[in-house]
C-alpha cells in the first residue's frame, strides 16, 4: 500500500532523489518549447522537477537535463537559475508589502525600536550592508526579548524601499500575524534556494516551510 506522502513525491532530474514537492521547483514548457519555472505549480502540461536551489537549477541547465526530463528538444535561455532567484525575491518583496498594508510590518529605526519595547516583534529586517552599529543595537534589543528571533539580511535597500513605498528604508520589523508568517516562509524558501542564512549574523532562517501562494504571487 502506498502512503500518501510517498504518492506525492517527485524526482529531481539532477539528484534523481524522490522528495516532497515543497523541496523542489516545477518547470514546464511554454508553447514555443522554452523551459519556464512554475513556482505556483498551476501551469498546464507536463512538468519536470529540480531541487529548490540555484546550484541544482544551474546544473540542470548546464548538463542539458531538461531535454532529458521532457524527452524532447527544449530551449533554455541562459541564466535560468538567476531568473528563478529573481522571481523568488520578487515574491518576498510582494509579501513584505502586503504585511505593511496589513499593519504587521513597520520600518524606520525609531518605529522598530518602539515596537521592540512594546513587544510582539517576530523578526527584524536590515537592508543588506546596513550600518552595523544601528543594526547591532536593534539586534541586541530583539534578542533580549526573544533569543532566537530571526534577523533578516536578504533584502536590498531598493527592495525595502519598494516594499514600504518610501525611500531609504534600512531597518524594519515584522509583527505577529498571518501576513508576517508568509513573509518569513518566503524568506526561508529564498534562503534555501540561495544557499544562505538570514544574514546580519543572525540565527539562520531555516527553509522549513513554503510560502502561502495565495497571499503574494511571485
N, C-alpha and C. Protein backbone atom coordinates (compact mmCIF):
# COMPACT_ATOMS: atom_id res chain seq x y z
N UNK A 1 0.85 -1.20 0.00
CA UNK A 1 0.00 0.00 0.00
C UNK A 1 0.88 1.25 0.00
N UNK A 2 0.62 2.19 -0.88
CA UNK A 2 1.41 3.40 -0.98
C UNK A 2 0.91 4.46 -0.01
N UNK A 3 1.82 4.99 0.77
CA UNK A 3 1.45 6.03 1.69
C UNK A 3 1.18 7.32 0.93
N UNK A 4 0.37 8.20 1.54
CA UNK A 4 0.00 9.45 0.88
C UNK A 4 1.22 10.31 0.58
N UNK A 5 2.17 10.40 1.55
CA UNK A 5 3.33 11.25 1.32
C UNK A 5 4.22 10.69 0.22
N UNK A 6 4.28 9.36 0.09
CA UNK A 6 5.06 8.76 -0.99
C UNK A 6 4.43 9.04 -2.34
N UNK A 7 3.10 9.03 -2.38
CA UNK A 7 2.39 9.24 -3.63
C UNK A 7 2.61 10.64 -4.17
N UNK A 8 2.90 11.61 -3.30
CA UNK A 8 3.07 12.98 -3.75
C UNK A 8 4.53 13.35 -3.96
N UNK A 9 5.45 12.44 -3.79
CA UNK A 9 6.86 12.74 -4.01
C UNK A 9 7.14 12.93 -5.51
N UNK A 10 8.14 13.74 -5.80
CA UNK A 10 8.58 13.97 -7.16
C UNK A 10 10.09 13.75 -7.22
N UNK A 11 10.59 13.40 -8.39
CA UNK A 11 12.01 13.10 -8.54
C UNK A 11 12.74 14.26 -9.18
N UNK A 12 13.80 14.72 -8.53
CA UNK A 12 14.65 15.78 -9.07
C UNK A 12 15.43 15.24 -10.26
N UNK A 13 15.45 15.97 -11.37
CA UNK A 13 16.15 15.49 -12.55
C UNK A 13 17.67 15.61 -12.40
N UNK A 14 18.13 16.30 -11.38
CA UNK A 14 19.57 16.44 -11.14
C UNK A 14 20.07 15.38 -10.18
N UNK A 15 19.45 15.29 -9.00
CA UNK A 15 19.92 14.36 -7.98
C UNK A 15 19.33 12.98 -8.12
N UNK A 16 18.20 12.87 -8.85
CA UNK A 16 17.45 11.63 -9.01
C UNK A 16 16.84 11.15 -7.69
N UNK A 17 16.74 12.04 -6.72
CA UNK A 17 16.13 11.70 -5.44
C UNK A 17 14.65 12.06 -5.48
N UNK A 18 13.81 11.19 -4.91
CA UNK A 18 12.38 11.45 -4.81
C UNK A 18 12.10 12.10 -3.46
N UNK A 19 11.58 13.32 -3.49
CA UNK A 19 11.31 14.07 -2.27
C UNK A 19 9.97 14.77 -2.40
N UNK A 20 9.54 15.40 -1.31
CA UNK A 20 8.27 16.12 -1.32
C UNK A 20 8.36 17.33 -2.26
N UNK A 21 7.27 17.67 -2.94
CA UNK A 21 7.29 18.81 -3.86
C UNK A 21 7.74 20.12 -3.22
N UNK A 22 7.52 20.28 -1.91
CA UNK A 22 7.92 21.51 -1.24
C UNK A 22 9.42 21.77 -1.35
N UNK A 23 10.20 20.72 -1.57
CA UNK A 23 11.65 20.87 -1.66
C UNK A 23 12.12 21.03 -3.10
N UNK A 24 11.19 21.16 -4.03
CA UNK A 24 11.51 21.19 -5.45
C UNK A 24 10.88 22.40 -6.13
N UNK A 25 11.34 22.66 -7.34
CA UNK A 25 10.72 23.66 -8.21
C UNK A 25 10.25 22.96 -9.48
N UNK A 26 9.03 23.23 -9.87
CA UNK A 26 8.46 22.62 -11.07
C UNK A 26 8.76 23.51 -12.28
N UNK A 27 9.14 22.88 -13.39
CA UNK A 27 9.35 23.57 -14.65
C UNK A 27 8.45 22.97 -15.71
N UNK A 28 7.95 23.81 -16.60
CA UNK A 28 7.11 23.36 -17.71
C UNK A 28 7.64 23.98 -19.00
N UNK A 29 7.05 23.58 -20.11
CA UNK A 29 7.43 24.14 -21.40
C UNK A 29 6.39 25.16 -21.85
N UNK A 30 6.88 26.29 -22.35
CA UNK A 30 5.99 27.28 -22.94
C UNK A 30 5.52 26.77 -24.29
N UNK A 31 4.54 27.42 -24.91
CA UNK A 31 4.07 26.95 -26.23
C UNK A 31 5.16 26.87 -27.28
N UNK A 32 6.22 27.68 -27.13
CA UNK A 32 7.30 27.61 -28.12
C UNK A 32 8.46 26.73 -27.66
N UNK A 33 8.23 25.94 -26.62
CA UNK A 33 9.23 24.97 -26.20
C UNK A 33 10.31 25.48 -25.28
N UNK A 34 10.09 26.63 -24.64
CA UNK A 34 11.09 27.16 -23.71
C UNK A 34 10.78 26.70 -22.29
N UNK A 35 11.82 26.35 -21.55
CA UNK A 35 11.66 25.92 -20.15
C UNK A 35 11.38 27.15 -19.28
N UNK A 36 10.28 27.08 -18.54
CA UNK A 36 9.91 28.19 -17.65
C UNK A 36 9.56 27.63 -16.27
N UNK A 37 9.89 28.38 -15.21
CA UNK A 37 9.55 27.92 -13.86
C UNK A 37 8.06 28.08 -13.58
N UNK A 38 7.52 27.12 -12.88
CA UNK A 38 6.11 27.15 -12.47
C UNK A 38 6.09 27.15 -10.94
N UNK A 39 6.39 28.31 -10.35
CA UNK A 39 6.55 28.38 -8.90
C UNK A 39 5.25 28.09 -8.15
N UNK A 40 4.13 28.38 -8.78
CA UNK A 40 2.84 28.13 -8.12
C UNK A 40 2.28 26.75 -8.45
N UNK A 41 2.95 26.03 -9.33
CA UNK A 41 2.58 24.66 -9.71
C UNK A 41 1.16 24.58 -10.27
N UNK A 42 0.84 25.53 -11.11
CA UNK A 42 -0.51 25.58 -11.65
C UNK A 42 -0.54 25.59 -13.18
N UNK A 43 0.61 25.74 -13.81
CA UNK A 43 0.63 25.81 -15.26
C UNK A 43 0.32 24.45 -15.87
N UNK A 44 -0.37 24.45 -17.00
CA UNK A 44 -0.74 23.17 -17.62
C UNK A 44 0.45 22.49 -18.27
N UNK A 45 0.28 21.25 -18.55
CA UNK A 45 1.30 20.49 -19.26
C UNK A 45 2.18 19.68 -18.34
N UNK A 46 2.99 18.86 -18.95
CA UNK A 46 3.91 18.02 -18.20
C UNK A 46 4.96 18.88 -17.52
N UNK A 47 5.32 18.51 -16.30
CA UNK A 47 6.35 19.23 -15.58
C UNK A 47 7.53 18.34 -15.23
N UNK A 48 8.67 18.96 -15.08
CA UNK A 48 9.82 18.27 -14.50
C UNK A 48 10.24 19.05 -13.26
N UNK A 49 10.96 18.37 -12.37
CA UNK A 49 11.21 18.93 -11.05
C UNK A 49 12.71 19.00 -10.78
N UNK A 50 13.11 20.09 -10.12
CA UNK A 50 14.51 20.29 -9.75
C UNK A 50 14.56 20.74 -8.29
N UNK A 51 15.52 20.21 -7.55
CA UNK A 51 15.71 20.64 -6.16
C UNK A 51 15.77 22.16 -6.09
N UNK A 52 15.10 22.72 -5.09
CA UNK A 52 14.95 24.17 -4.98
C UNK A 52 16.24 24.83 -4.49
N UNK A 53 17.26 24.80 -5.33
CA UNK A 53 18.50 25.50 -5.04
C UNK A 53 19.09 25.99 -6.35
N UNK A 54 19.73 27.15 -6.28
CA UNK A 54 20.27 27.75 -7.51
C UNK A 54 21.31 26.87 -8.17
N UNK A 55 22.13 26.21 -7.36
CA UNK A 55 23.17 25.38 -7.98
C UNK A 55 22.60 24.19 -8.72
N UNK A 56 21.50 23.62 -8.21
CA UNK A 56 20.89 22.47 -8.90
C UNK A 56 20.22 22.91 -10.20
N UNK A 57 19.57 24.07 -10.19
CA UNK A 57 18.97 24.57 -11.42
C UNK A 57 20.06 24.86 -12.45
N UNK A 58 21.18 25.43 -12.01
CA UNK A 58 22.29 25.71 -12.92
C UNK A 58 22.86 24.43 -13.51
N UNK A 59 22.95 23.37 -12.70
CA UNK A 59 23.44 22.09 -13.20
C UNK A 59 22.49 21.52 -14.25
N UNK A 60 21.19 21.61 -13.97
CA UNK A 60 20.21 21.11 -14.94
C UNK A 60 20.33 21.83 -16.27
N UNK A 61 20.59 23.14 -16.22
CA UNK A 61 20.77 23.90 -17.46
C UNK A 61 22.07 23.50 -18.15
N UNK A 62 23.16 23.46 -17.39
CA UNK A 62 24.48 23.21 -17.98
C UNK A 62 24.61 21.82 -18.59
N UNK A 63 23.98 20.84 -17.94
CA UNK A 63 24.10 19.46 -18.42
C UNK A 63 22.94 19.04 -19.32
N UNK A 64 22.12 19.98 -19.72
CA UNK A 64 21.01 19.72 -20.67
C UNK A 64 20.06 18.65 -20.13
N UNK A 65 19.80 18.71 -18.83
CA UNK A 65 18.94 17.70 -18.21
C UNK A 65 17.47 17.98 -18.46
N UNK A 66 17.11 19.20 -18.81
CA UNK A 66 15.70 19.49 -19.08
C UNK A 66 15.24 18.74 -20.34
N UNK A 67 16.09 18.68 -21.35
CA UNK A 67 15.72 17.95 -22.56
C UNK A 67 15.50 16.48 -22.24
N UNK A 68 16.36 15.94 -21.40
CA UNK A 68 16.20 14.54 -21.00
C UNK A 68 14.92 14.35 -20.18
N UNK A 69 14.66 15.29 -19.29
CA UNK A 69 13.47 15.18 -18.45
C UNK A 69 12.18 15.26 -19.23
N UNK A 70 12.14 16.17 -20.20
CA UNK A 70 10.93 16.33 -21.01
C UNK A 70 10.87 15.33 -22.16
N UNK A 71 11.99 14.71 -22.46
CA UNK A 71 12.02 13.74 -23.54
C UNK A 71 11.91 14.35 -24.91
N UNK A 72 12.36 15.58 -25.05
CA UNK A 72 12.31 16.25 -26.35
C UNK A 72 13.26 17.44 -26.32
N UNK A 73 13.51 18.01 -27.49
CA UNK A 73 14.36 19.20 -27.57
C UNK A 73 13.65 20.38 -26.91
N UNK A 74 14.39 21.13 -26.13
CA UNK A 74 13.81 22.28 -25.43
C UNK A 74 14.74 23.47 -25.59
N UNK A 75 14.21 24.65 -25.28
CA UNK A 75 15.02 25.87 -25.27
C UNK A 75 15.17 26.35 -23.83
N UNK A 76 16.39 26.66 -23.44
CA UNK A 76 16.65 27.20 -22.11
C UNK A 76 17.45 28.49 -22.29
N UNK A 77 16.82 29.61 -22.02
CA UNK A 77 17.53 30.89 -22.11
C UNK A 77 18.61 30.93 -21.04
N UNK A 78 19.81 31.39 -21.36
CA UNK A 78 20.89 31.43 -20.37
C UNK A 78 20.50 32.19 -19.11
N UNK A 79 20.99 31.71 -17.97
CA UNK A 79 20.72 32.40 -16.71
C UNK A 79 19.42 31.98 -16.05
N UNK A 80 18.96 30.77 -16.28
CA UNK A 80 17.70 30.32 -15.71
C UNK A 80 17.72 30.37 -14.19
N UNK A 81 18.81 29.93 -13.58
CA UNK A 81 18.89 29.92 -12.11
C UNK A 81 18.73 31.32 -11.55
N UNK A 82 19.34 32.30 -12.19
CA UNK A 82 19.21 33.69 -11.72
C UNK A 82 17.79 34.20 -11.88
N UNK A 83 17.14 33.82 -12.98
CA UNK A 83 15.77 34.28 -13.20
C UNK A 83 14.83 33.70 -12.15
N UNK A 84 15.03 32.44 -11.79
CA UNK A 84 14.22 31.85 -10.73
C UNK A 84 14.46 32.59 -9.42
N UNK A 85 15.73 32.87 -9.12
CA UNK A 85 16.03 33.62 -7.91
C UNK A 85 15.37 34.98 -7.90
N UNK A 86 15.36 35.66 -9.05
CA UNK A 86 14.70 36.96 -9.14
C UNK A 86 13.20 36.85 -8.85
N UNK A 87 12.57 35.80 -9.37
CA UNK A 87 11.14 35.60 -9.11
C UNK A 87 10.87 35.36 -7.63
N UNK A 88 11.73 34.59 -6.99
CA UNK A 88 11.56 34.33 -5.57
C UNK A 88 11.77 35.61 -4.75
N UNK A 89 12.73 36.42 -5.16
CA UNK A 89 12.95 37.69 -4.47
C UNK A 89 11.74 38.61 -4.64
N UNK A 90 11.19 38.64 -5.86
CA UNK A 90 10.01 39.47 -6.09
C UNK A 90 8.85 39.03 -5.21
N UNK A 91 8.71 37.70 -5.04
CA UNK A 91 7.66 37.19 -4.18
C UNK A 91 7.86 37.61 -2.73
N UNK A 92 9.12 37.62 -2.28
CA UNK A 92 9.42 38.02 -0.91
C UNK A 92 9.15 39.51 -0.70
N UNK A 93 9.46 40.32 -1.71
CA UNK A 93 9.18 41.75 -1.62
C UNK A 93 7.67 41.99 -1.61
N UNK A 94 6.94 41.30 -2.47
CA UNK A 94 5.48 41.46 -2.53
C UNK A 94 4.85 41.05 -1.20
N UNK A 95 5.36 39.97 -0.60
CA UNK A 95 4.82 39.53 0.68
C UNK A 95 5.06 40.57 1.77
N UNK A 96 6.25 41.19 1.77
CA UNK A 96 6.54 42.23 2.76
C UNK A 96 5.65 43.44 2.55
N UNK A 97 5.39 43.79 1.30
CA UNK A 97 4.48 44.91 1.01
C UNK A 97 3.08 44.63 1.55
N UNK A 98 2.61 43.39 1.37
CA UNK A 98 1.30 43.01 1.91
C UNK A 98 1.28 43.06 3.43
N UNK A 99 2.39 42.67 4.06
CA UNK A 99 2.47 42.74 5.52
C UNK A 99 2.40 44.19 5.99
N UNK A 100 3.06 45.08 5.26
CA UNK A 100 2.97 46.51 5.59
C UNK A 100 1.52 46.99 5.51
N UNK A 101 0.83 46.62 4.43
CA UNK A 101 -0.56 47.04 4.26
C UNK A 101 -1.46 46.42 5.31
N UNK A 102 -1.08 45.23 5.79
CA UNK A 102 -1.88 44.57 6.83
C UNK A 102 -1.56 45.09 8.23
N UNK A 103 -0.55 45.96 8.32
CA UNK A 103 -0.19 46.53 9.60
C UNK A 103 0.72 45.67 10.45
N UNK A 104 1.35 44.66 9.85
CA UNK A 104 2.25 43.79 10.62
C UNK A 104 3.71 43.96 10.22
N UNK A 105 4.03 45.05 9.51
CA UNK A 105 5.42 45.37 9.18
C UNK A 105 5.61 46.86 9.36
N UNK A 106 6.63 47.25 10.12
CA UNK A 106 6.94 48.66 10.35
C UNK A 106 8.38 48.91 9.93
N UNK A 107 8.70 50.15 9.58
CA UNK A 107 10.05 50.47 9.13
C UNK A 107 10.53 51.74 9.80
N UNK A 108 11.86 51.91 9.81
CA UNK A 108 12.47 53.06 10.46
C UNK A 108 13.02 52.68 11.83
N UNK A 109 14.21 53.18 12.14
CA UNK A 109 14.85 52.79 13.40
C UNK A 109 13.96 53.06 14.60
N UNK A 110 13.39 54.26 14.69
CA UNK A 110 12.60 54.63 15.86
C UNK A 110 11.36 53.75 16.00
N UNK A 111 10.67 53.48 14.87
CA UNK A 111 9.47 52.64 14.94
C UNK A 111 9.81 51.20 15.30
N UNK A 112 10.92 50.70 14.77
CA UNK A 112 11.32 49.34 15.11
C UNK A 112 11.69 49.26 16.59
N UNK A 113 12.43 50.25 17.06
CA UNK A 113 12.81 50.28 18.48
C UNK A 113 11.58 50.33 19.37
N UNK A 114 10.61 51.16 18.99
CA UNK A 114 9.38 51.26 19.78
C UNK A 114 8.60 49.94 19.76
N UNK A 115 8.57 49.28 18.61
CA UNK A 115 7.86 48.00 18.51
C UNK A 115 8.53 46.96 19.39
N UNK A 116 9.85 46.97 19.46
CA UNK A 116 10.56 46.02 20.31
C UNK A 116 10.24 46.27 21.77
N UNK A 117 10.17 47.52 22.15
CA UNK A 117 9.86 47.84 23.54
C UNK A 117 8.43 47.42 23.90
N UNK A 118 7.55 47.57 22.95
CA UNK A 118 6.14 47.21 23.17
C UNK A 118 5.94 45.71 23.18
N UNK A 119 6.75 44.98 22.42
CA UNK A 119 6.60 43.53 22.30
C UNK A 119 5.79 43.16 21.07
N UNK A 120 5.87 41.89 20.67
CA UNK A 120 5.12 41.42 19.52
C UNK A 120 5.92 41.33 18.25
N UNK A 121 7.20 41.75 18.27
CA UNK A 121 8.04 41.63 17.08
C UNK A 121 8.45 40.17 16.90
N UNK A 122 8.26 39.64 15.70
CA UNK A 122 8.62 38.25 15.42
C UNK A 122 9.87 38.12 14.57
N UNK A 123 10.34 39.23 13.96
CA UNK A 123 11.56 39.18 13.17
C UNK A 123 12.04 40.60 12.91
N UNK A 124 13.35 40.76 12.82
CA UNK A 124 13.97 42.02 12.45
C UNK A 124 14.52 41.91 11.03
N UNK A 125 14.47 43.03 10.32
CA UNK A 125 14.96 43.07 8.95
C UNK A 125 15.91 44.25 8.81
N UNK A 126 17.08 44.02 8.22
CA UNK A 126 18.02 45.08 7.91
C UNK A 126 18.37 45.00 6.42
N UNK A 127 18.49 46.15 5.78
CA UNK A 127 18.94 46.15 4.40
C UNK A 127 20.34 45.57 4.33
N UNK A 128 20.62 44.83 3.27
CA UNK A 128 21.95 44.26 3.09
C UNK A 128 22.99 45.37 3.13
N UNK A 129 24.01 45.17 3.96
CA UNK A 129 25.06 46.17 4.10
C UNK A 129 24.69 47.32 5.01
N UNK A 130 23.64 47.18 5.84
CA UNK A 130 23.22 48.25 6.73
C UNK A 130 24.29 48.54 7.78
N UNK A 131 24.25 49.75 8.32
CA UNK A 131 25.19 50.17 9.35
C UNK A 131 25.20 49.19 10.52
N UNK A 132 26.38 48.74 10.88
CA UNK A 132 26.48 47.73 11.92
C UNK A 132 26.09 48.21 13.30
N UNK A 133 26.33 49.49 13.61
CA UNK A 133 26.02 49.99 14.95
C UNK A 133 24.52 50.02 15.20
N UNK A 134 23.77 50.61 14.27
CA UNK A 134 22.33 50.70 14.46
C UNK A 134 21.68 49.33 14.39
N UNK A 135 22.15 48.50 13.45
CA UNK A 135 21.61 47.14 13.36
C UNK A 135 21.90 46.37 14.65
N UNK A 136 23.12 46.50 15.14
CA UNK A 136 23.51 45.79 16.35
C UNK A 136 22.67 46.19 17.55
N UNK A 137 22.37 47.47 17.65
CA UNK A 137 21.55 47.93 18.78
C UNK A 137 20.17 47.30 18.74
N UNK A 138 19.56 47.27 17.55
CA UNK A 138 18.24 46.65 17.42
C UNK A 138 18.32 45.14 17.64
N UNK A 139 19.38 44.53 17.13
CA UNK A 139 19.52 43.08 17.30
C UNK A 139 19.62 42.70 18.77
N UNK A 140 20.41 43.45 19.53
CA UNK A 140 20.56 43.16 20.96
C UNK A 140 19.24 43.33 21.69
N UNK A 141 18.49 44.37 21.33
CA UNK A 141 17.18 44.57 21.96
C UNK A 141 16.23 43.43 21.59
N UNK A 142 16.30 43.00 20.32
CA UNK A 142 15.43 41.91 19.89
C UNK A 142 15.76 40.61 20.59
N UNK A 143 17.02 40.33 20.76
CA UNK A 143 17.42 39.07 21.38
C UNK A 143 17.14 39.05 22.88
N UNK A 144 17.09 40.24 23.48
CA UNK A 144 16.68 40.26 24.88
C UNK A 144 15.22 39.84 25.01
N UNK A 145 14.43 40.22 24.01
CA UNK A 145 13.02 39.83 24.00
C UNK A 145 12.82 38.38 23.59
N UNK A 146 13.59 37.97 22.58
CA UNK A 146 13.41 36.64 22.01
C UNK A 146 14.76 36.15 21.51
N UNK A 147 15.45 35.30 22.29
CA UNK A 147 16.82 34.90 21.93
C UNK A 147 16.97 34.30 20.54
N UNK A 148 15.93 33.64 20.04
CA UNK A 148 16.03 33.01 18.72
C UNK A 148 15.32 33.82 17.63
N UNK A 149 15.15 35.11 17.85
CA UNK A 149 14.44 35.93 16.87
C UNK A 149 15.17 35.93 15.53
N UNK A 150 14.49 35.64 14.42
CA UNK A 150 15.12 35.74 13.10
C UNK A 150 15.52 37.18 12.81
N UNK A 151 16.71 37.34 12.27
CA UNK A 151 17.21 38.65 11.86
C UNK A 151 17.61 38.53 10.40
N UNK A 152 16.90 39.23 9.55
CA UNK A 152 16.97 39.01 8.11
C UNK A 152 17.86 40.04 7.43
N UNK A 153 18.77 39.59 6.59
CA UNK A 153 19.60 40.48 5.79
C UNK A 153 19.54 40.17 4.32
N UNK A 154 18.45 39.58 3.86
CA UNK A 154 18.35 39.16 2.46
C UNK A 154 17.86 40.27 1.53
N UNK A 155 17.14 41.25 2.07
CA UNK A 155 16.60 42.31 1.21
C UNK A 155 17.65 43.38 0.93
N UNK A 156 17.68 43.88 -0.29
CA UNK A 156 18.48 45.06 -0.60
C UNK A 156 17.72 46.30 -0.14
N UNK A 157 18.44 47.42 -0.05
CA UNK A 157 17.77 48.65 0.31
C UNK A 157 16.69 49.03 -0.69
N UNK A 158 16.97 48.81 -1.97
CA UNK A 158 15.98 49.12 -3.00
C UNK A 158 14.73 48.27 -2.84
N UNK A 159 14.90 47.02 -2.47
CA UNK A 159 13.74 46.14 -2.28
C UNK A 159 12.92 46.58 -1.07
N UNK A 160 13.58 47.01 -0.01
CA UNK A 160 12.84 47.51 1.16
C UNK A 160 12.10 48.80 0.81
N UNK A 161 12.74 49.68 0.04
CA UNK A 161 12.07 50.91 -0.39
C UNK A 161 10.80 50.57 -1.16
N UNK A 162 10.90 49.59 -2.04
CA UNK A 162 9.75 49.18 -2.86
C UNK A 162 8.65 48.61 -1.98
N UNK A 163 9.01 47.77 -1.03
CA UNK A 163 8.02 47.11 -0.18
C UNK A 163 7.28 48.11 0.70
N UNK A 164 8.00 49.13 1.19
CA UNK A 164 7.39 50.09 2.12
C UNK A 164 6.91 51.36 1.44
N UNK A 165 7.18 51.48 0.14
CA UNK A 165 6.67 52.62 -0.60
C UNK A 165 7.28 53.94 -0.21
N UNK A 166 8.52 53.93 0.26
CA UNK A 166 9.21 55.17 0.59
C UNK A 166 10.71 54.94 0.48
N UNK A 167 11.49 56.01 0.35
CA UNK A 167 12.93 55.84 0.13
C UNK A 167 13.71 55.62 1.43
N UNK A 168 14.90 55.08 1.26
CA UNK A 168 15.90 54.99 2.34
C UNK A 168 15.44 54.15 3.54
N UNK A 169 14.78 53.04 3.27
CA UNK A 169 14.41 52.12 4.34
C UNK A 169 15.62 51.23 4.64
N UNK A 170 16.04 51.22 5.88
CA UNK A 170 17.20 50.43 6.29
C UNK A 170 16.81 49.35 7.29
N UNK A 171 15.92 49.71 8.23
CA UNK A 171 15.52 48.77 9.29
C UNK A 171 14.01 48.58 9.27
N UNK A 172 13.58 47.36 9.54
CA UNK A 172 12.15 47.05 9.60
C UNK A 172 11.92 45.93 10.59
N UNK A 173 10.68 45.76 10.96
CA UNK A 173 10.32 44.68 11.88
C UNK A 173 9.00 44.07 11.45
N UNK A 174 8.89 42.77 11.65
CA UNK A 174 7.63 42.06 11.41
C UNK A 174 6.94 41.84 12.74
N UNK A 175 5.65 42.13 12.78
CA UNK A 175 4.84 41.89 13.96
C UNK A 175 4.01 40.63 13.76
N UNK A 176 3.56 40.05 14.84
CA UNK A 176 2.85 38.78 14.76
C UNK A 176 1.60 38.90 13.89
N UNK A 177 1.39 37.90 13.03
CA UNK A 177 0.22 37.88 12.18
C UNK A 177 0.45 37.02 10.95
N UNK A 178 -0.63 36.58 10.31
CA UNK A 178 -0.50 35.70 9.14
C UNK A 178 0.33 36.30 8.02
N UNK A 179 0.21 37.61 7.78
CA UNK A 179 0.98 38.22 6.70
C UNK A 179 2.48 38.14 6.97
N UNK A 180 2.85 38.30 8.23
CA UNK A 180 4.27 38.18 8.59
C UNK A 180 4.74 36.74 8.49
N UNK A 181 3.87 35.81 8.84
CA UNK A 181 4.22 34.40 8.69
C UNK A 181 4.54 34.09 7.23
N UNK A 182 3.77 34.68 6.33
CA UNK A 182 4.00 34.45 4.90
C UNK A 182 5.34 35.05 4.45
N UNK A 183 5.67 36.22 4.98
CA UNK A 183 6.97 36.82 4.66
C UNK A 183 8.10 35.88 5.07
N UNK A 184 8.03 35.38 6.30
CA UNK A 184 9.10 34.51 6.79
C UNK A 184 9.16 33.21 6.00
N UNK A 185 8.01 32.69 5.61
CA UNK A 185 8.01 31.47 4.80
C UNK A 185 8.71 31.70 3.47
N UNK A 186 8.42 32.83 2.85
CA UNK A 186 9.05 33.14 1.57
C UNK A 186 10.55 33.37 1.73
N UNK A 187 10.94 34.01 2.82
CA UNK A 187 12.36 34.24 3.06
C UNK A 187 13.10 32.94 3.33
N UNK A 188 12.47 32.03 4.04
CA UNK A 188 13.09 30.72 4.26
C UNK A 188 13.31 30.00 2.93
N UNK A 189 12.32 30.06 2.09
CA UNK A 189 12.41 29.40 0.79
C UNK A 189 13.51 30.03 -0.06
N UNK A 190 13.56 31.38 -0.05
CA UNK A 190 14.59 32.09 -0.80
C UNK A 190 15.97 31.78 -0.25
N UNK A 191 16.10 31.78 1.08
CA UNK A 191 17.40 31.48 1.69
C UNK A 191 17.88 30.09 1.31
N UNK A 192 16.96 29.14 1.30
CA UNK A 192 17.33 27.79 0.89
C UNK A 192 17.77 27.78 -0.56
N UNK A 193 17.06 28.48 -1.42
CA UNK A 193 17.41 28.50 -2.84
C UNK A 193 18.79 29.11 -3.05
N UNK A 194 19.10 30.16 -2.31
CA UNK A 194 20.37 30.85 -2.47
C UNK A 194 21.51 30.16 -1.73
N UNK A 195 21.18 29.22 -0.85
CA UNK A 195 22.20 28.57 -0.05
C UNK A 195 22.73 29.47 1.03
N UNK A 196 21.86 30.35 1.57
CA UNK A 196 22.28 31.33 2.56
C UNK A 196 21.36 31.27 3.77
N UNK A 197 21.87 31.84 4.89
CA UNK A 197 21.01 32.02 6.06
C UNK A 197 20.38 33.40 5.99
N UNK A 198 19.82 33.85 7.09
CA UNK A 198 19.13 35.14 7.08
C UNK A 198 20.03 36.33 7.02
N UNK A 199 21.33 36.16 7.18
CA UNK A 199 22.26 37.27 7.10
C UNK A 199 22.33 38.06 8.39
N UNK A 200 23.14 39.09 8.39
CA UNK A 200 23.30 40.01 9.51
C UNK A 200 23.75 39.31 10.77
N UNK A 201 24.46 38.20 10.64
CA UNK A 201 24.94 37.49 11.80
C UNK A 201 23.84 36.90 12.65
N UNK A 202 22.70 36.65 12.03
CA UNK A 202 21.52 36.25 12.77
C UNK A 202 21.37 34.75 12.83
N UNK A 203 20.46 34.27 13.71
CA UNK A 203 20.09 32.86 13.62
C UNK A 203 19.59 32.56 12.22
N UNK A 204 19.90 31.39 11.72
CA UNK A 204 19.52 31.05 10.35
C UNK A 204 18.01 31.07 10.17
N UNK A 205 17.59 31.52 8.99
CA UNK A 205 16.19 31.35 8.59
C UNK A 205 16.13 30.03 7.88
N UNK A 206 15.72 29.00 8.58
CA UNK A 206 15.74 27.66 8.01
C UNK A 206 14.59 27.49 7.04
N UNK A 207 14.83 26.82 5.91
CA UNK A 207 13.80 26.65 4.88
C UNK A 207 12.87 25.49 5.20
N UNK A 208 12.07 25.65 6.27
CA UNK A 208 11.25 24.53 6.68
C UNK A 208 9.80 24.64 6.25
N UNK A 209 9.42 25.75 5.62
CA UNK A 209 8.05 25.89 5.13
C UNK A 209 8.07 26.56 3.78
N UNK A 210 6.99 26.38 3.05
CA UNK A 210 6.85 27.02 1.75
C UNK A 210 5.91 28.20 1.88
N UNK A 211 6.04 29.19 0.98
CA UNK A 211 5.18 30.33 1.05
C UNK A 211 3.71 30.01 0.81
N UNK A 212 2.86 30.87 1.34
CA UNK A 212 1.43 30.79 1.07
C UNK A 212 1.20 31.43 -0.29
N UNK A 213 1.03 30.61 -1.31
CA UNK A 213 0.97 31.12 -2.68
C UNK A 213 -0.22 32.04 -2.91
N UNK A 214 -1.27 31.89 -2.11
CA UNK A 214 -2.45 32.73 -2.32
C UNK A 214 -2.23 34.14 -1.80
N UNK A 215 -1.19 34.35 -0.95
CA UNK A 215 -1.03 35.64 -0.31
C UNK A 215 -0.25 36.63 -1.15
N UNK A 216 0.75 36.15 -1.88
CA UNK A 216 1.55 37.07 -2.69
C UNK A 216 2.19 36.31 -3.82
N UNK A 217 1.79 36.58 -5.01
CA UNK A 217 2.32 35.84 -6.15
C UNK A 217 3.77 36.24 -6.42
N UNK A 218 4.60 35.30 -6.92
CA UNK A 218 5.98 35.65 -7.27
C UNK A 218 6.01 36.72 -8.34
